N, C-alpha and C. Protein backbone atom coordinates (compact mmCIF):
# COMPACT_ATOMS: atom_id res chain seq x y z
N MET A 1 7.38 -7.13 46.22
CA MET A 1 8.00 -6.69 45.09
C MET A 1 9.26 -6.24 45.25
N SER A 2 10.40 -6.46 44.26
CA SER A 2 11.60 -5.71 44.63
C SER A 2 11.72 -4.21 43.97
N GLY A 3 12.91 -3.76 44.15
CA GLY A 3 12.94 -2.47 43.63
C GLY A 3 13.36 -2.37 42.12
N GLU A 4 13.22 -3.43 41.35
CA GLU A 4 13.47 -3.53 40.06
C GLU A 4 12.16 -2.93 39.17
N LYS A 5 12.65 -2.25 38.06
CA LYS A 5 11.51 -1.74 37.21
C LYS A 5 11.30 -2.86 36.40
N GLU A 6 9.91 -2.92 35.65
CA GLU A 6 9.55 -3.86 34.91
C GLU A 6 9.92 -3.33 33.46
N LYS A 7 10.60 -4.02 32.65
CA LYS A 7 11.08 -3.42 31.35
C LYS A 7 9.98 -3.86 30.24
N LEU A 8 9.82 -2.93 29.54
CA LEU A 8 8.72 -3.31 28.35
C LEU A 8 9.36 -3.65 27.11
N GLU A 9 9.10 -4.58 26.37
CA GLU A 9 9.63 -5.07 25.36
C GLU A 9 8.95 -4.28 24.18
N LYS A 10 9.77 -3.47 23.22
CA LYS A 10 9.39 -2.87 22.35
C LYS A 10 9.84 -3.28 20.82
N ILE A 11 8.91 -3.38 19.98
CA ILE A 11 9.45 -3.95 18.65
C ILE A 11 9.57 -2.96 17.69
N LYS A 12 10.86 -3.08 17.02
CA LYS A 12 11.37 -2.14 15.96
C LYS A 12 11.22 -2.67 14.48
N ARG A 13 11.11 -4.04 14.34
CA ARG A 13 10.83 -4.54 13.00
C ARG A 13 10.13 -5.81 13.13
N ILE A 14 9.16 -6.05 12.03
CA ILE A 14 8.82 -7.38 11.75
C ILE A 14 9.03 -7.58 10.06
N ASP A 15 9.59 -8.63 9.91
CA ASP A 15 10.14 -8.94 8.46
C ASP A 15 9.62 -10.47 8.50
N LEU A 16 9.21 -10.68 6.97
CA LEU A 16 9.15 -12.13 6.62
C LEU A 16 10.29 -12.47 5.84
N LYS A 17 11.17 -13.46 6.11
CA LYS A 17 12.13 -13.59 5.18
C LYS A 17 12.00 -14.89 4.40
N LEU A 18 12.16 -14.58 3.12
CA LEU A 18 11.81 -15.56 2.07
C LEU A 18 13.09 -16.04 1.49
N VAL A 19 13.24 -17.25 1.22
CA VAL A 19 14.54 -17.97 0.65
C VAL A 19 14.17 -18.35 -0.82
N LEU A 20 14.70 -17.55 -1.82
CA LEU A 20 14.21 -17.96 -3.29
C LEU A 20 15.20 -18.82 -3.93
N ASN A 21 14.76 -19.28 -5.01
CA ASN A 21 15.56 -20.17 -5.97
C ASN A 21 16.12 -19.20 -6.83
N ASP A 22 17.11 -18.25 -6.55
CA ASP A 22 17.56 -17.27 -7.40
C ASP A 22 19.00 -17.16 -6.79
N VAL A 23 20.13 -17.41 -7.61
CA VAL A 23 21.40 -17.32 -7.33
C VAL A 23 21.87 -15.84 -7.04
N ALA A 24 21.34 -15.14 -7.70
CA ALA A 24 21.64 -13.41 -7.90
C ALA A 24 21.02 -12.80 -6.37
N ARG A 25 19.74 -13.34 -6.15
CA ARG A 25 19.10 -12.72 -4.96
C ARG A 25 18.36 -13.86 -4.22
N PRO A 26 19.22 -14.52 -3.39
CA PRO A 26 18.63 -15.88 -2.77
C PRO A 26 17.71 -15.38 -1.51
N ILE A 27 17.62 -14.33 -1.06
CA ILE A 27 17.14 -13.96 0.27
C ILE A 27 16.31 -12.75 -0.01
N LEU A 28 15.10 -12.79 0.29
CA LEU A 28 14.11 -11.44 0.14
C LEU A 28 13.43 -11.28 1.52
N HIS A 29 13.54 -9.97 2.05
CA HIS A 29 12.89 -9.61 3.47
C HIS A 29 11.76 -8.70 3.03
N VAL A 30 10.47 -9.36 3.49
CA VAL A 30 9.31 -8.47 3.17
C VAL A 30 8.85 -7.70 4.67
N ASN A 31 8.93 -6.55 4.56
CA ASN A 31 8.86 -5.68 5.80
C ASN A 31 7.27 -5.37 6.11
N PHE A 32 6.97 -5.80 7.36
CA PHE A 32 5.43 -5.18 7.93
C PHE A 32 5.47 -4.19 8.85
N LEU A 33 6.73 -4.04 9.54
CA LEU A 33 6.79 -2.96 10.57
C LEU A 33 8.22 -2.53 10.61
N ASN A 34 8.46 -1.28 10.68
CA ASN A 34 9.76 -0.88 10.43
C ASN A 34 9.97 0.41 11.11
N MET A 35 10.70 0.75 12.18
CA MET A 35 10.98 1.85 13.01
C MET A 35 12.36 2.76 12.44
N TYR A 36 12.94 2.07 11.73
CA TYR A 36 14.24 2.72 10.85
C TYR A 36 13.81 3.47 9.56
N ASP A 37 14.40 4.66 9.56
CA ASP A 37 14.48 5.29 8.23
C ASP A 37 15.60 4.77 7.31
N VAL A 38 15.40 4.04 6.30
CA VAL A 38 16.10 2.96 5.43
C VAL A 38 17.41 4.12 4.97
N VAL A 39 16.82 5.21 4.54
CA VAL A 39 17.63 6.33 3.85
C VAL A 39 18.65 6.92 4.76
N THR A 40 18.30 7.21 5.92
CA THR A 40 19.40 7.84 6.81
C THR A 40 19.69 6.99 8.05
N GLY A 41 19.19 5.65 8.08
CA GLY A 41 19.49 4.71 9.12
C GLY A 41 19.28 5.34 10.61
N VAL A 42 18.46 6.27 10.87
CA VAL A 42 18.14 6.93 11.97
C VAL A 42 16.77 6.06 12.66
N THR A 43 16.64 5.73 13.69
CA THR A 43 15.40 5.37 14.30
C THR A 43 14.19 6.64 14.17
N LYS A 44 13.11 6.23 13.79
CA LYS A 44 12.16 7.14 13.76
C LYS A 44 11.32 7.03 15.37
N ARG A 45 11.29 5.87 15.75
CA ARG A 45 10.42 6.02 17.14
C ARG A 45 11.24 4.74 17.74
N GLU A 46 10.96 4.78 18.97
CA GLU A 46 11.79 3.81 19.95
C GLU A 46 11.11 2.23 19.73
N GLY A 47 10.03 2.06 19.11
CA GLY A 47 9.48 0.85 18.88
C GLY A 47 7.95 0.74 19.16
N GLU A 48 7.46 -0.16 18.69
CA GLU A 48 6.02 -0.49 19.26
C GLU A 48 5.68 -1.53 20.20
N LYS A 49 4.93 -1.14 21.30
CA LYS A 49 4.69 -2.05 22.33
C LYS A 49 3.76 -3.34 21.65
N LYS A 50 3.93 -4.46 22.34
CA LYS A 50 3.38 -5.76 21.83
C LYS A 50 1.77 -5.64 21.80
N ASP A 51 1.40 -4.60 22.80
CA ASP A 51 -0.16 -4.51 22.82
C ASP A 51 -0.84 -3.57 21.97
N SER A 52 0.08 -2.60 21.17
CA SER A 52 -0.21 -1.76 20.35
C SER A 52 -0.93 -2.19 19.20
N ALA A 53 -1.81 -1.31 18.57
CA ALA A 53 -2.62 -1.78 17.35
C ALA A 53 -1.82 -1.82 16.19
N LYS A 54 -0.68 -0.95 16.07
CA LYS A 54 0.19 -1.12 14.93
C LYS A 54 0.86 -2.44 14.98
N TYR A 55 1.36 -2.65 16.02
CA TYR A 55 2.22 -4.04 16.21
C TYR A 55 1.26 -5.23 15.84
N LYS A 56 0.06 -5.24 16.43
CA LYS A 56 -0.75 -6.26 16.35
C LYS A 56 -1.24 -6.36 14.83
N GLU A 57 -1.47 -5.38 14.07
CA GLU A 57 -1.68 -5.55 12.78
C GLU A 57 -0.83 -5.91 11.87
N ALA A 58 0.40 -5.35 12.18
CA ALA A 58 1.62 -5.87 11.33
C ALA A 58 2.06 -7.24 11.44
N LYS A 59 1.95 -8.03 12.76
CA LYS A 59 1.99 -9.35 13.14
C LYS A 59 1.08 -10.13 12.41
N ARG A 60 -0.34 -9.56 12.51
CA ARG A 60 -1.40 -10.30 11.91
C ARG A 60 -1.08 -10.38 10.30
N LYS A 61 -0.50 -9.38 9.79
CA LYS A 61 -0.21 -9.66 8.21
C LYS A 61 0.89 -10.48 8.00
N ALA A 62 1.92 -10.29 8.87
CA ALA A 62 2.97 -11.39 8.78
C ALA A 62 2.60 -12.65 8.83
N ASP A 63 1.90 -13.02 9.81
CA ASP A 63 1.53 -14.49 10.01
C ASP A 63 0.39 -14.96 8.79
N GLN A 64 -0.30 -13.86 8.40
CA GLN A 64 -1.23 -14.44 7.34
C GLN A 64 -0.36 -14.81 5.93
N TRP A 65 0.68 -13.82 5.83
CA TRP A 65 1.37 -14.25 4.49
C TRP A 65 2.22 -15.39 4.90
N TYR A 66 2.96 -15.80 6.10
CA TYR A 66 3.68 -16.80 6.34
C TYR A 66 2.73 -18.24 6.23
N GLY A 67 1.47 -18.11 6.51
CA GLY A 67 0.65 -19.24 6.46
C GLY A 67 0.30 -19.42 4.89
N LEU A 68 0.04 -18.62 4.20
CA LEU A 68 -0.43 -18.67 2.79
C LEU A 68 0.85 -19.25 1.99
N LEU A 69 2.01 -18.57 2.22
CA LEU A 69 3.15 -19.27 1.60
C LEU A 69 3.47 -20.64 1.81
N SER A 70 3.20 -21.06 3.31
CA SER A 70 3.47 -22.41 3.51
C SER A 70 2.54 -23.41 2.91
N VAL A 71 1.29 -23.07 2.89
CA VAL A 71 0.21 -23.77 2.21
C VAL A 71 0.62 -23.96 0.62
N LEU A 72 0.96 -22.66 -0.03
CA LEU A 72 1.36 -22.82 -1.40
C LEU A 72 2.56 -23.78 -1.76
N ILE A 73 3.52 -23.54 -0.82
CA ILE A 73 4.78 -24.59 -0.92
C ILE A 73 4.33 -26.04 -0.71
N LYS A 74 3.52 -26.53 0.27
CA LYS A 74 3.07 -27.62 0.60
C LYS A 74 2.47 -28.26 -0.68
N ARG A 75 1.45 -27.56 -1.25
CA ARG A 75 0.78 -27.93 -2.44
C ARG A 75 1.65 -28.09 -3.63
N ALA A 76 2.76 -27.11 -4.11
CA ALA A 76 3.63 -27.56 -5.01
C ALA A 76 4.43 -28.58 -4.69
N GLU A 77 4.93 -29.06 -3.44
CA GLU A 77 5.76 -30.26 -3.10
C GLU A 77 4.74 -31.30 -3.53
N ARG A 78 3.67 -31.38 -3.14
CA ARG A 78 2.62 -32.52 -3.48
C ARG A 78 2.57 -32.85 -4.82
N THR A 79 2.36 -31.66 -5.62
CA THR A 79 2.12 -31.64 -7.34
C THR A 79 3.45 -32.39 -7.88
N THR A 80 4.70 -31.84 -7.29
CA THR A 80 5.96 -32.33 -7.92
C THR A 80 6.38 -33.68 -7.57
N SER A 81 5.88 -34.20 -6.41
CA SER A 81 6.00 -35.66 -5.91
C SER A 81 5.12 -36.45 -6.68
N ASN A 82 3.97 -36.04 -7.31
CA ASN A 82 3.21 -36.89 -7.94
C ASN A 82 3.34 -37.01 -9.47
N ILE A 83 4.49 -36.15 -9.89
CA ILE A 83 4.87 -36.32 -11.32
C ILE A 83 5.84 -37.72 -11.56
């Protein structure tokens, strides 16, 4: 083993980015984990480790919503193509 220290990756945000059919507001970010105070712009904490319960729950929720939205989009595309 060398003298290098192992660097642990810490996650500060988990967002789901949605592209909408709206010229005024074409992109919407749905936040599931945020270590920043949006009012002050200050970091609340240094981040979550990937093995933490908070990170795992936020990732699970983001993945679940991504999957659900993907299914709904595919169904809508099939319905539209059959018209």
